[in-house]
Amino acid sequence: MSTYSHKTTDEFMSADDAVLDQELLEQAGSAQHHSDHAHTHKLAITALMCAASLLLSFIQIPIFPAAPWLMYDPSGVICLFAGLVLGPQTGVLVAVLSWLPRIFFDPFGTPMGILSTCAFLLPATILYAKTQSRTSCTKGLVLGAVLSIIVACALNLVITPFYAHIPMEQVAAMIIPILLPFNALKMLVNISLAQLAFKPVMHVFDQLMH
């Protein structure tokens, strides 16, 4: 009788273990499914942001009358929000991927555009990723604007002589009267658009991500 009872207890324990193992497997499967879904969702949003940034890059607006050949486009703001929503690395990825197609008709402007856009978005997206604070994001935007202006002026100094066939001294002479105010105005527009769109855009993407 004792032996039969002990055997039955072992059988119950084995059954409990089997149920527990099944539950763990189901939980692991559910977690994996959720992870795959989130990854797919992130890829879809990244692709959407790349497409939006590329399309907006074709909106060319002359914002500086003293140099009407210098155009502003709002594509950098899309790259910024990609970084705020999905992280700094994704912001950089969107900037690179959305600029790359332009290399075929603007081979000199493309690397300048990629680097100046990344300089603009990285401080704000890094600070926001750490704090989730709009105040930190705003401070990052100001820092990013300063970095982007420096990068744009420095790259113009190096690259412009190659495609414009003018001496570096001539480009240097354009920094104060043309390049600096144009890029400062460009950053002012970017920051203004980002501040105006911050709450509604972040709300929309919060809904999409969940």
N, C-alpha and C. Protein backbone atom coordinates (compact mmCIF):
# COMPACT_ATOMS: atom_id res chain seq x y z
N MET A 1 0.84 -1.20 0.00
CA MET A 1 0.00 0.00 0.00
C MET A 1 0.87 1.25 0.00
N SER A 2 1.90 1.25 0.83
CA SER A 2 2.84 2.36 0.92
C SER A 2 3.54 2.61 -0.39
N THR A 3 3.96 1.52 -1.07
CA THR A 3 4.66 1.63 -2.35
C THR A 3 3.74 2.24 -3.40
N TYR A 4 2.49 1.83 -3.45
CA TYR A 4 1.51 2.33 -4.42
C TYR A 4 1.30 3.84 -4.21
N SER A 5 1.20 4.28 -2.94
CA SER A 5 0.99 5.68 -2.62
C SER A 5 2.17 6.53 -3.05
N HIS A 6 3.41 6.02 -2.81
CA HIS A 6 4.61 6.75 -3.18
C HIS A 6 4.69 6.90 -4.70
N LYS A 7 4.32 5.87 -5.41
CA LYS A 7 4.36 5.89 -6.87
C LYS A 7 3.34 6.90 -7.39
N THR A 8 2.20 6.98 -6.79
CA THR A 8 1.17 7.92 -7.23
C THR A 8 1.62 9.36 -7.00
N THR A 9 2.28 9.62 -5.88
CA THR A 9 2.82 10.96 -5.59
C THR A 9 3.83 11.37 -6.64
N ASP A 10 4.72 10.44 -7.02
CA ASP A 10 5.71 10.74 -8.08
C ASP A 10 5.02 11.07 -9.39
N GLU A 11 3.96 10.34 -9.66
CA GLU A 11 3.24 10.59 -10.91
C GLU A 11 2.61 11.99 -10.89
N PHE A 12 2.04 12.37 -9.72
CA PHE A 12 1.46 13.71 -9.61
C PHE A 12 2.53 14.78 -9.79
N MET A 13 3.72 14.53 -9.18
CA MET A 13 4.81 15.50 -9.29
C MET A 13 5.27 15.63 -10.74
N SER A 14 5.34 14.51 -11.44
CA SER A 14 5.73 14.53 -12.85
C SER A 14 4.70 15.29 -13.68
N ALA A 15 3.42 15.08 -13.36
CA ALA A 15 2.37 15.79 -14.07
C ALA A 15 2.46 17.29 -13.82
N ASP A 16 2.72 17.68 -12.56
CA ASP A 16 2.87 19.11 -12.24
C ASP A 16 4.05 19.72 -12.99
N ASP A 17 5.17 18.97 -13.04
CA ASP A 17 6.35 19.45 -13.76
C ASP A 17 6.05 19.64 -15.24
N ALA A 18 5.29 18.70 -15.79
CA ALA A 18 4.95 18.78 -17.22
C ALA A 18 4.09 20.01 -17.50
N VAL A 19 3.13 20.27 -16.60
CA VAL A 19 2.27 21.45 -16.75
C VAL A 19 3.11 22.72 -16.66
N LEU A 20 4.03 22.75 -15.67
CA LEU A 20 4.89 23.92 -15.49
C LEU A 20 5.77 24.15 -16.72
N ASP A 21 6.35 23.06 -17.24
CA ASP A 21 7.19 23.17 -18.44
C ASP A 21 6.38 23.70 -19.61
N GLN A 22 5.13 23.23 -19.74
CA GLN A 22 4.27 23.68 -20.83
C GLN A 22 3.96 25.18 -20.70
N GLU A 23 3.70 25.62 -19.45
CA GLU A 23 3.43 27.03 -19.22
C GLU A 23 4.64 27.88 -19.55
N LEU A 24 5.83 27.41 -19.16
CA LEU A 24 7.06 28.15 -19.45
C LEU A 24 7.30 28.25 -20.95
N LEU A 25 7.02 27.14 -21.65
CA LEU A 25 7.18 27.14 -23.11
C LEU A 25 6.21 28.12 -23.77
N GLU A 26 4.97 28.14 -23.27
CA GLU A 26 3.98 29.06 -23.82
C GLU A 26 4.37 30.51 -23.56
N GLN A 27 4.89 30.79 -22.35
CA GLN A 27 5.33 32.15 -22.03
C GLN A 27 6.51 32.56 -22.90
N ALA A 28 7.45 31.63 -23.09
CA ALA A 28 8.61 31.92 -23.94
C ALA A 28 8.18 32.18 -25.37
N GLY A 29 7.23 31.37 -25.84
CA GLY A 29 6.73 31.55 -27.20
C GLY A 29 6.02 32.88 -27.36
N SER A 30 5.23 33.25 -26.33
CA SER A 30 4.52 34.53 -26.37
C SER A 30 5.49 35.69 -26.36
N ALA A 31 6.54 35.59 -25.53
CA ALA A 31 7.56 36.65 -25.45
C ALA A 31 8.30 36.78 -26.77
N GLN A 32 8.62 35.64 -27.39
CA GLN A 32 9.31 35.66 -28.68
C GLN A 32 8.43 36.29 -29.76
N HIS A 33 7.14 35.94 -29.73
CA HIS A 33 6.19 36.50 -30.70
C HIS A 33 6.09 38.01 -30.52
N HIS A 34 6.02 38.46 -29.25
CA HIS A 34 5.95 39.89 -28.97
C HIS A 34 7.21 40.59 -29.45
N SER A 35 8.37 39.97 -29.20
CA SER A 35 9.65 40.54 -29.63
C SER A 35 9.72 40.66 -31.14
N ASP A 36 9.30 39.60 -31.84
CA ASP A 36 9.31 39.62 -33.31
C ASP A 36 8.36 40.70 -33.84
N HIS A 37 7.20 40.83 -33.20
CA HIS A 37 6.22 41.83 -33.62
C HIS A 37 6.78 43.24 -33.42
N ALA A 38 7.42 43.47 -32.27
CA ALA A 38 7.99 44.78 -31.98
C ALA A 38 9.10 45.12 -32.97
N HIS A 39 9.93 44.11 -33.30
CA HIS A 39 11.02 44.32 -34.25
C HIS A 39 10.47 44.67 -35.63
N THR A 40 9.45 43.94 -36.06
CA THR A 40 8.82 44.21 -37.35
C THR A 40 8.19 45.60 -37.37
N HIS A 41 7.55 45.96 -36.26
CA HIS A 41 6.92 47.27 -36.12
C HIS A 41 7.97 48.37 -36.24
N LYS A 42 9.10 48.18 -35.56
CA LYS A 42 10.18 49.16 -35.60
C LYS A 42 10.74 49.32 -37.00
N LEU A 43 10.92 48.21 -37.71
CA LEU A 43 11.41 48.26 -39.08
C LEU A 43 10.45 49.01 -39.99
N ALA A 44 9.15 48.76 -39.80
CA ALA A 44 8.14 49.42 -40.63
C ALA A 44 8.15 50.93 -40.39
N ILE A 45 8.25 51.35 -39.12
CA ILE A 45 8.27 52.77 -38.81
C ILE A 45 9.55 53.42 -39.33
N THR A 46 10.67 52.70 -39.21
CA THR A 46 11.94 53.22 -39.74
C THR A 46 11.86 53.43 -41.24
N ALA A 47 11.28 52.46 -41.95
CA ALA A 47 11.12 52.58 -43.41
C ALA A 47 10.21 53.76 -43.75
N LEU A 48 9.15 53.95 -42.97
CA LEU A 48 8.23 55.06 -43.18
C LEU A 48 8.94 56.40 -42.99
N MET A 49 9.76 56.48 -41.95
CA MET A 49 10.50 57.71 -41.68
C MET A 49 11.52 58.00 -42.79
N CYS A 50 12.18 56.96 -43.28
CA CYS A 50 13.14 57.14 -44.39
C CYS A 50 12.42 57.70 -45.62
N ALA A 51 11.27 57.11 -45.94
CA ALA A 51 10.51 57.55 -47.11
C ALA A 51 10.04 59.00 -46.93
N ALA A 52 9.56 59.34 -45.74
CA ALA A 52 9.09 60.69 -45.48
C ALA A 52 10.23 61.70 -45.58
N SER A 53 11.38 61.35 -45.02
CA SER A 53 12.54 62.24 -45.07
C SER A 53 13.01 62.45 -46.50
N LEU A 54 13.04 61.37 -47.27
CA LEU A 54 13.46 61.47 -48.68
C LEU A 54 12.50 62.35 -49.47
N LEU A 55 11.20 62.16 -49.27
CA LEU A 55 10.21 62.96 -50.00
C LEU A 55 10.30 64.44 -49.63
N LEU A 56 10.47 64.72 -48.34
CA LEU A 56 10.55 66.11 -47.90
C LEU A 56 11.83 66.79 -48.37
N SER A 57 12.84 66.00 -48.70
CA SER A 57 14.10 66.58 -49.17
C SER A 57 13.92 67.27 -50.53
N PHE A 58 12.86 66.92 -51.23
CA PHE A 58 12.61 67.54 -52.54
C PHE A 58 11.85 68.87 -52.42
N ILE A 59 11.45 69.20 -51.18
CA ILE A 59 10.84 70.52 -50.94
C ILE A 59 11.97 71.50 -50.69
N GLN A 60 12.36 72.21 -51.70
CA GLN A 60 13.49 73.13 -51.64
C GLN A 60 12.98 74.56 -51.49
N ILE A 61 13.32 75.19 -50.37
CA ILE A 61 12.82 76.53 -50.07
C ILE A 61 13.98 77.50 -49.91
N PRO A 62 14.02 78.57 -50.71
CA PRO A 62 15.05 79.59 -50.51
C PRO A 62 14.69 80.47 -49.30
N ILE A 63 15.47 80.39 -48.25
CA ILE A 63 15.13 81.11 -47.02
C ILE A 63 16.09 82.26 -46.73
N PHE A 64 17.13 82.38 -47.56
CA PHE A 64 18.15 83.40 -47.31
C PHE A 64 18.37 84.22 -48.58
N PRO A 65 17.72 85.39 -48.68
CA PRO A 65 17.76 86.18 -49.92
C PRO A 65 19.16 86.51 -50.42
N ALA A 66 20.11 86.64 -49.49
CA ALA A 66 21.47 86.99 -49.91
C ALA A 66 22.15 85.86 -50.68
N ALA A 67 21.63 84.64 -50.53
CA ALA A 67 22.18 83.48 -51.26
C ALA A 67 21.02 82.60 -51.70
N PRO A 68 20.31 83.00 -52.75
CA PRO A 68 19.11 82.27 -53.17
C PRO A 68 19.38 80.87 -53.70
N TRP A 69 20.63 80.54 -53.98
CA TRP A 69 20.97 79.20 -54.44
C TRP A 69 21.06 78.19 -53.29
N LEU A 70 21.12 78.69 -52.07
CA LEU A 70 21.14 77.81 -50.90
C LEU A 70 19.71 77.53 -50.47
N MET A 71 19.35 76.27 -50.46
CA MET A 71 17.96 75.87 -50.21
C MET A 71 17.81 75.16 -48.86
N TYR A 72 16.65 75.37 -48.26
CA TYR A 72 16.28 74.65 -47.04
C TYR A 72 15.27 73.57 -47.36
N ASP A 73 15.43 72.40 -46.73
CA ASP A 73 14.38 71.37 -46.79
C ASP A 73 14.18 70.82 -45.39
N PRO A 74 12.96 70.40 -45.06
CA PRO A 74 12.64 69.98 -43.69
C PRO A 74 12.94 68.52 -43.37
N SER A 75 13.70 67.83 -44.23
CA SER A 75 13.93 66.39 -44.03
C SER A 75 14.65 66.09 -42.71
N GLY A 76 15.50 67.02 -42.27
CA GLY A 76 16.23 66.78 -41.02
C GLY A 76 15.34 66.65 -39.81
N VAL A 77 14.18 67.30 -39.84
CA VAL A 77 13.24 67.22 -38.72
C VAL A 77 12.68 65.80 -38.60
N ILE A 78 12.45 65.15 -39.74
CA ILE A 78 11.98 63.77 -39.72
C ILE A 78 13.04 62.85 -39.12
N CYS A 79 14.29 63.07 -39.50
CA CYS A 79 15.39 62.27 -38.93
C CYS A 79 15.48 62.46 -37.42
N LEU A 80 15.26 63.70 -36.99
CA LEU A 80 15.27 64.00 -35.56
C LEU A 80 14.19 63.21 -34.83
N PHE A 81 12.97 63.22 -35.34
CA PHE A 81 11.88 62.49 -34.67
C PHE A 81 12.09 60.98 -34.73
N ALA A 82 12.72 60.50 -35.78
CA ALA A 82 13.07 59.07 -35.83
C ALA A 82 14.00 58.72 -34.67
N GLY A 83 14.95 59.61 -34.38
CA GLY A 83 15.86 59.39 -33.26
C GLY A 83 15.19 59.52 -31.91
N LEU A 84 14.24 60.46 -31.80
CA LEU A 84 13.54 60.63 -30.53
C LEU A 84 12.63 59.45 -30.23
N VAL A 85 11.99 58.91 -31.26
CA VAL A 85 11.03 57.82 -31.07
C VAL A 85 11.73 56.47 -30.94
N LEU A 86 12.72 56.22 -31.78
CA LEU A 86 13.32 54.89 -31.87
C LEU A 86 14.78 54.82 -31.41
N GLY A 87 15.33 55.95 -30.99
CA GLY A 87 16.70 55.94 -30.48
C GLY A 87 17.66 56.64 -31.43
N PRO A 88 18.79 57.14 -30.88
CA PRO A 88 19.76 57.89 -31.68
C PRO A 88 20.29 57.12 -32.89
N GLN A 89 20.53 55.80 -32.72
CA GLN A 89 21.06 55.02 -33.84
C GLN A 89 20.09 55.01 -35.01
N THR A 90 18.80 54.89 -34.71
CA THR A 90 17.80 54.89 -35.78
C THR A 90 17.72 56.26 -36.45
N GLY A 91 17.87 57.32 -35.67
CA GLY A 91 17.90 58.65 -36.26
C GLY A 91 19.03 58.80 -37.26
N VAL A 92 20.21 58.31 -36.90
CA VAL A 92 21.36 58.34 -37.80
C VAL A 92 21.09 57.48 -39.03
N LEU A 93 20.52 56.29 -38.80
CA LEU A 93 20.21 55.38 -39.91
C LEU A 93 19.25 56.03 -40.91
N VAL A 94 18.22 56.68 -40.41
CA VAL A 94 17.25 57.35 -41.28
C VAL A 94 17.93 58.49 -42.05
N ALA A 95 18.80 59.22 -41.37
CA ALA A 95 19.52 60.31 -42.04
C ALA A 95 20.37 59.78 -43.19
N VAL A 96 21.10 58.71 -42.92
CA VAL A 96 21.99 58.13 -43.94
C VAL A 96 21.18 57.57 -45.10
N LEU A 97 20.17 56.75 -44.79
CA LEU A 97 19.39 56.09 -45.85
C LEU A 97 18.59 57.07 -46.68
N SER A 98 18.10 58.14 -46.06
CA SER A 98 17.30 59.11 -46.82
C SER A 98 18.18 60.03 -47.66
N TRP A 99 19.44 60.19 -47.26
CA TRP A 99 20.35 61.02 -48.05
C TRP A 99 21.01 60.24 -49.18
N LEU A 100 21.24 58.95 -48.99
CA LEU A 100 22.01 58.17 -49.97
C LEU A 100 21.49 58.26 -51.41
N PRO A 101 20.16 58.16 -51.66
CA PRO A 101 19.71 58.25 -53.05
C PRO A 101 20.10 59.56 -53.74
N ARG A 102 20.34 60.60 -52.94
CA ARG A 102 20.68 61.90 -53.52
C ARG A 102 22.13 61.97 -53.99
N ILE A 103 22.90 60.95 -53.65
CA ILE A 103 24.32 60.97 -54.01
C ILE A 103 24.52 60.95 -55.53
N PHE A 104 23.51 60.43 -56.26
CA PHE A 104 23.64 60.33 -57.72
C PHE A 104 23.53 61.68 -58.42
N PHE A 105 22.80 62.62 -57.83
CA PHE A 105 22.70 63.94 -58.46
C PHE A 105 23.29 65.04 -57.60
N ASP A 106 23.78 64.69 -56.41
CA ASP A 106 24.45 65.67 -55.55
C ASP A 106 25.55 64.98 -54.75
N PRO A 107 26.60 64.50 -55.45
CA PRO A 107 27.62 63.70 -54.78
C PRO A 107 28.44 64.47 -53.74
N PHE A 108 28.52 65.77 -53.88
CA PHE A 108 29.28 66.56 -52.90
C PHE A 108 28.40 67.02 -51.74
N GLY A 109 27.15 67.32 -52.04
CA GLY A 109 26.25 67.77 -50.99
C GLY A 109 25.79 66.66 -50.07
N THR A 110 25.77 65.42 -50.59
CA THR A 110 25.27 64.30 -49.79
C THR A 110 26.07 64.05 -48.51
N PRO A 111 27.40 63.92 -48.59
CA PRO A 111 28.14 63.71 -47.33
C PRO A 111 28.01 64.88 -46.37
N MET A 112 27.94 66.10 -46.91
CA MET A 112 27.76 67.27 -46.04
C MET A 112 26.38 67.21 -45.37
N GLY A 113 25.37 66.80 -46.15
CA GLY A 113 24.02 66.70 -45.59
C GLY A 113 23.91 65.65 -44.51
N ILE A 114 24.53 64.48 -44.74
CA ILE A 114 24.48 63.40 -43.76
C ILE A 114 25.14 63.83 -42.45
N LEU A 115 26.35 64.39 -42.56
CA LEU A 115 27.11 64.74 -41.35
C LEU A 115 26.47 65.90 -40.59
N SER A 116 25.99 66.90 -41.30
CA SER A 116 25.37 68.05 -40.61
C SER A 116 24.04 67.64 -39.97
N THR A 117 23.29 66.74 -40.64
CA THR A 117 22.02 66.26 -40.06
C THR A 117 22.28 65.45 -38.80
N CYS A 118 23.27 64.57 -38.86
CA CYS A 118 23.61 63.75 -37.68
C CYS A 118 24.10 64.62 -36.53
N ALA A 119 24.89 65.64 -36.85
CA ALA A 119 25.36 66.56 -35.81
C ALA A 119 24.19 67.27 -35.14
N PHE A 120 23.16 67.57 -35.92
CA PHE A 120 21.98 68.24 -35.38
C PHE A 120 21.17 67.33 -34.47
N LEU A 121 20.93 66.10 -34.90
CA LEU A 121 19.98 65.24 -34.18
C LEU A 121 20.58 64.48 -32.99
N LEU A 122 21.87 64.18 -33.04
CA LEU A 122 22.45 63.31 -32.01
C LEU A 122 22.37 63.86 -30.58
N PRO A 123 22.76 65.12 -30.32
CA PRO A 123 22.67 65.59 -28.93
C PRO A 123 21.26 65.50 -28.34
N ALA A 124 20.26 65.92 -29.11
CA ALA A 124 18.89 65.90 -28.60
C ALA A 124 18.38 64.48 -28.38
N THR A 125 18.67 63.58 -29.33
CA THR A 125 18.16 62.22 -29.20
C THR A 125 18.87 61.44 -28.09
N ILE A 126 20.15 61.71 -27.91
CA ILE A 126 20.88 61.04 -26.82
C ILE A 126 20.37 61.50 -25.46
N LEU A 127 20.20 62.82 -25.30
CA LEU A 127 19.71 63.35 -24.04
C LEU A 127 18.28 62.89 -23.76
N TYR A 128 17.45 62.87 -24.80
CA TYR A 128 16.06 62.45 -24.62
C TYR A 128 15.97 60.97 -24.27
N ALA A 129 16.83 60.15 -24.89
CA ALA A 129 16.84 58.72 -24.60
C ALA A 129 17.20 58.46 -23.13
N LYS A 130 18.03 59.33 -22.56
CA LYS A 130 18.47 59.14 -21.17
C LYS A 130 17.45 59.67 -20.16
N THR A 131 16.78 60.76 -20.51
CA THR A 131 15.94 61.44 -19.53
C THR A 131 14.45 61.41 -19.82
N GLN A 132 14.08 61.21 -21.12
CA GLN A 132 12.68 61.31 -21.55
C GLN A 132 12.10 62.67 -21.17
N SER A 133 12.95 63.68 -21.15
CA SER A 133 12.55 65.02 -20.75
C SER A 133 12.57 65.96 -21.96
N ARG A 134 11.48 66.70 -22.14
CA ARG A 134 11.44 67.66 -23.25
C ARG A 134 12.45 68.79 -23.04
N THR A 135 12.68 69.15 -21.79
CA THR A 135 13.66 70.19 -21.49
C THR A 135 15.05 69.77 -21.94
N SER A 136 15.41 68.52 -21.63
CA SER A 136 16.71 68.00 -22.07
C SER A 136 16.78 67.95 -23.60
N CYS A 137 15.67 67.59 -24.20
CA CYS A 137 15.60 67.53 -25.66
C CYS A 137 15.85 68.91 -26.26
N THR A 138 15.25 69.94 -25.67
CA THR A 138 15.41 71.30 -26.16
C THR A 138 16.86 71.76 -26.03
N LYS A 139 17.47 71.44 -24.90
CA LYS A 139 18.90 71.77 -24.71
C LYS A 139 19.75 71.05 -25.77
N GLY A 140 19.38 69.81 -26.04
CA GLY A 140 20.10 69.04 -27.06
C GLY A 140 19.94 69.63 -28.45
N LEU A 141 18.74 70.17 -28.72
CA LEU A 141 18.49 70.80 -30.02
C LEU A 141 19.39 72.02 -30.21
N VAL A 142 19.53 72.82 -29.17
CA VAL A 142 20.39 74.01 -29.25
C VAL A 142 21.84 73.59 -29.47
N LEU A 143 22.29 72.60 -28.70
CA LEU A 143 23.66 72.10 -28.87
C LEU A 143 23.85 71.51 -30.25
N GLY A 144 22.87 70.74 -30.71
CA GLY A 144 22.95 70.13 -32.03
C GLY A 144 22.98 71.17 -33.13
N ALA A 145 22.22 72.25 -32.95
CA ALA A 145 22.22 73.33 -33.94
C ALA A 145 23.61 73.95 -34.07
N VAL A 146 24.24 74.21 -32.93
CA VAL A 146 25.59 74.79 -32.94
C VAL A 146 26.57 73.84 -33.62
N LEU A 147 26.52 72.56 -33.27
CA LEU A 147 27.41 71.57 -33.88
C LEU A 147 27.17 71.47 -35.38
N SER A 148 25.90 71.48 -35.79
CA SER A 148 25.56 71.35 -37.20
C SER A 148 26.09 72.55 -38.00
N ILE A 149 25.97 73.74 -37.44
CA ILE A 149 26.48 74.94 -38.11
C ILE A 149 27.99 74.84 -38.29
N ILE A 150 28.69 74.41 -37.25
CA ILE A 150 30.14 74.27 -37.32
C ILE A 150 30.53 73.24 -38.37
N VAL A 151 29.84 72.08 -38.35
CA VAL A 151 30.14 71.01 -39.31
C VAL A 151 29.88 71.48 -40.74
N ALA A 152 28.73 72.16 -40.96
CA ALA A 152 28.37 72.61 -42.31
C ALA A 152 29.40 73.62 -42.83
N CYS A 153 29.80 74.56 -42.02
CA CYS A 153 30.77 75.57 -42.46
C CYS A 153 32.13 74.93 -42.73
N ALA A 154 32.55 74.03 -41.84
CA ALA A 154 33.84 73.37 -42.01
C ALA A 154 33.87 72.50 -43.27
N LEU A 155 32.79 71.76 -43.51
CA LEU A 155 32.74 70.90 -44.69
C LEU A 155 32.66 71.71 -45.98
N ASN A 156 31.95 72.82 -45.95
CA ASN A 156 31.92 73.71 -47.11
C ASN A 156 33.32 74.23 -47.43
N LEU A 157 34.05 74.52 -46.40
CA LEU A 157 35.41 75.02 -46.57
C LEU A 157 36.30 74.00 -47.27
N VAL A 158 36.06 72.70 -46.98
CA VAL A 158 36.89 71.63 -47.55
C VAL A 158 36.35 71.14 -48.90
N ILE A 159 35.03 70.96 -48.99
CA ILE A 159 34.44 70.30 -50.17
C ILE A 159 34.10 71.26 -51.30
N THR A 160 33.59 72.45 -50.98
CA THR A 160 33.14 73.38 -52.02
C THR A 160 34.21 73.69 -53.07
N PRO A 161 35.48 73.90 -52.68
CA PRO A 161 36.49 74.18 -53.72
C PRO A 161 36.62 73.08 -54.77
N PHE A 162 36.29 71.83 -54.43
CA PHE A 162 36.43 70.72 -55.38
C PHE A 162 35.39 70.78 -56.50
N TYR A 163 34.14 71.11 -56.14
CA TYR A 163 33.10 71.08 -57.18
C TYR A 163 32.79 72.46 -57.75
N ALA A 164 33.08 73.51 -56.99
CA ALA A 164 32.82 74.86 -57.49
C ALA A 164 34.04 75.45 -58.20
N HIS A 165 35.18 74.77 -58.04
CA HIS A 165 36.44 75.21 -58.68
C HIS A 165 36.79 76.64 -58.30
N ILE A 166 36.70 76.89 -56.99
CA ILE A 166 37.11 78.18 -56.46
C ILE A 166 38.09 77.94 -55.32
N PRO A 167 38.97 78.88 -55.07
CA PRO A 167 39.96 78.68 -54.00
C PRO A 167 39.31 78.65 -52.62
N MET A 168 39.96 77.96 -51.70
CA MET A 168 39.44 77.85 -50.34
C MET A 168 39.29 79.22 -49.68
N GLU A 169 40.17 80.14 -50.03
CA GLU A 169 40.10 81.48 -49.45
C GLU A 169 38.78 82.17 -49.81
N GLN A 170 38.29 81.90 -51.02
CA GLN A 170 37.02 82.49 -51.44
C GLN A 170 35.85 81.91 -50.66
N VAL A 171 35.94 80.60 -50.38
CA VAL A 171 34.89 79.97 -49.57
C VAL A 171 34.95 80.51 -48.15
N ALA A 172 36.15 80.66 -47.62
CA ALA A 172 36.32 81.19 -46.26
C ALA A 172 35.73 82.59 -46.15
N ALA A 173 35.84 83.36 -47.23
CA ALA A 173 35.30 84.72 -47.22
C ALA A 173 33.77 84.72 -47.20
N MET A 174 33.15 83.58 -47.56
CA MET A 174 31.68 83.49 -47.56
C MET A 174 31.10 83.00 -46.24
N ILE A 175 31.96 82.56 -45.33
CA ILE A 175 31.46 81.97 -44.08
C ILE A 175 30.65 82.97 -43.27
N ILE A 176 31.22 84.13 -42.97
CA ILE A 176 30.53 85.11 -42.12
C ILE A 176 29.30 85.72 -42.79
N PRO A 177 29.42 86.18 -44.06
CA PRO A 177 28.24 86.84 -44.64
C PRO A 177 27.18 85.90 -45.19
N ILE A 178 27.54 84.64 -45.51
CA ILE A 178 26.58 83.76 -46.19
C ILE A 178 26.37 82.43 -45.46
N LEU A 179 27.42 81.64 -45.32
CA LEU A 179 27.26 80.27 -44.80
C LEU A 179 26.78 80.26 -43.35
N LEU A 180 27.37 81.10 -42.51
CA LEU A 180 26.98 81.12 -41.09
C LEU A 180 25.54 81.56 -40.89
N PRO A 181 25.11 82.69 -41.46
CA PRO A 181 23.69 83.09 -41.26
C PRO A 181 22.70 82.14 -41.92
N PHE A 182 23.05 81.56 -43.09
CA PHE A 182 22.13 80.62 -43.72
C PHE A 182 21.92 79.40 -42.85
N ASN A 183 23.01 78.82 -42.37
CA ASN A 183 22.90 77.61 -41.56
C ASN A 183 22.27 77.89 -40.20
N ALA A 184 22.51 79.09 -39.66
CA ALA A 184 21.85 79.47 -38.41
C ALA A 184 20.34 79.59 -38.61
N LEU A 185 19.94 80.19 -39.73
CA LEU A 185 18.51 80.31 -40.04
C LEU A 185 17.89 78.93 -40.26
N LYS A 186 18.62 78.08 -40.94
CA LYS A 186 18.16 76.70 -41.18
C LYS A 186 17.92 75.96 -39.86
N MET A 187 18.85 76.10 -38.92
CA MET A 187 18.70 75.44 -37.62
C MET A 187 17.55 76.05 -36.83
N LEU A 188 17.35 77.37 -36.96
CA LEU A 188 16.24 78.02 -36.27
C LEU A 188 14.91 77.47 -36.77
N VAL A 189 14.79 77.28 -38.07
CA VAL A 189 13.56 76.71 -38.65
C VAL A 189 13.38 75.27 -38.16
N ASN A 190 14.46 74.48 -38.17
CA ASN A 190 14.39 73.09 -37.71
C ASN A 190 13.92 73.00 -36.25
N ILE A 191 14.51 73.81 -35.40
CA ILE A 191 14.14 73.79 -33.98
C ILE A 191 12.69 74.24 -33.79
N SER A 192 12.28 75.28 -34.53
CA SER A 192 10.90 75.77 -34.42
C SER A 192 9.90 74.70 -34.85
N LEU A 193 10.19 74.03 -35.96
CA LEU A 193 9.31 72.96 -36.43
C LEU A 193 9.26 71.80 -35.43
N ALA A 194 10.43 71.45 -34.88
CA ALA A 194 10.49 70.36 -33.91
C ALA A 194 9.69 70.68 -32.66
N GLN A 195 9.79 71.92 -32.18
CA GLN A 195 9.07 72.31 -30.98
C GLN A 195 7.56 72.33 -31.22
N LEU A 196 7.17 72.83 -32.37
CA LEU A 196 5.74 72.89 -32.69
C LEU A 196 5.13 71.50 -32.85
N ALA A 197 5.92 70.60 -33.44
CA ALA A 197 5.39 69.26 -33.76
C ALA A 197 5.63 68.25 -32.65
N PHE A 198 6.42 68.60 -31.64
CA PHE A 198 6.87 67.61 -30.65
C PHE A 198 5.71 66.86 -30.01
N LYS A 199 4.78 67.57 -29.41
CA LYS A 199 3.70 66.90 -28.66
C LYS A 199 2.81 66.04 -29.56
N PRO A 200 2.28 66.57 -30.67
CA PRO A 200 1.42 65.71 -31.50
C PRO A 200 2.16 64.55 -32.15
N VAL A 201 3.39 64.78 -32.60
CA VAL A 201 4.14 63.70 -33.26
C VAL A 201 4.48 62.60 -32.26
N MET A 202 4.95 62.97 -31.08
CA MET A 202 5.31 61.96 -30.09
C MET A 202 4.07 61.19 -29.63
N HIS A 203 2.92 61.88 -29.56
CA HIS A 203 1.67 61.20 -29.18
C HIS A 203 1.27 60.17 -30.24
N VAL A 204 1.37 60.56 -31.50
CA VAL A 204 1.02 59.63 -32.60
C VAL A 204 1.92 58.40 -32.56
N PHE A 205 3.20 58.62 -32.41
CA PHE A 205 4.12 57.47 -32.42
C PHE A 205 4.01 56.64 -31.15
N ASP A 206 3.62 57.26 -30.04
CA ASP A 206 3.36 56.48 -28.83
C ASP A 206 2.20 55.52 -29.05
N GLN A 207 1.18 55.99 -29.76
CA GLN A 207 0.04 55.12 -30.08
C GLN A 207 0.45 54.02 -31.06
N LEU A 208 1.27 54.37 -32.05
CA LEU A 208 1.70 53.38 -33.04
C LEU A 208 2.58 52.30 -32.42
N MET A 209 3.43 52.72 -31.47
CA MET A 209 4.36 51.76 -30.86
C MET A 209 3.66 50.82 -29.88
N HIS A 210 2.46 51.16 -29.45
CA HIS A 210 1.74 50.32 -28.50
C HIS A 210 0.43 49.81 -29.10
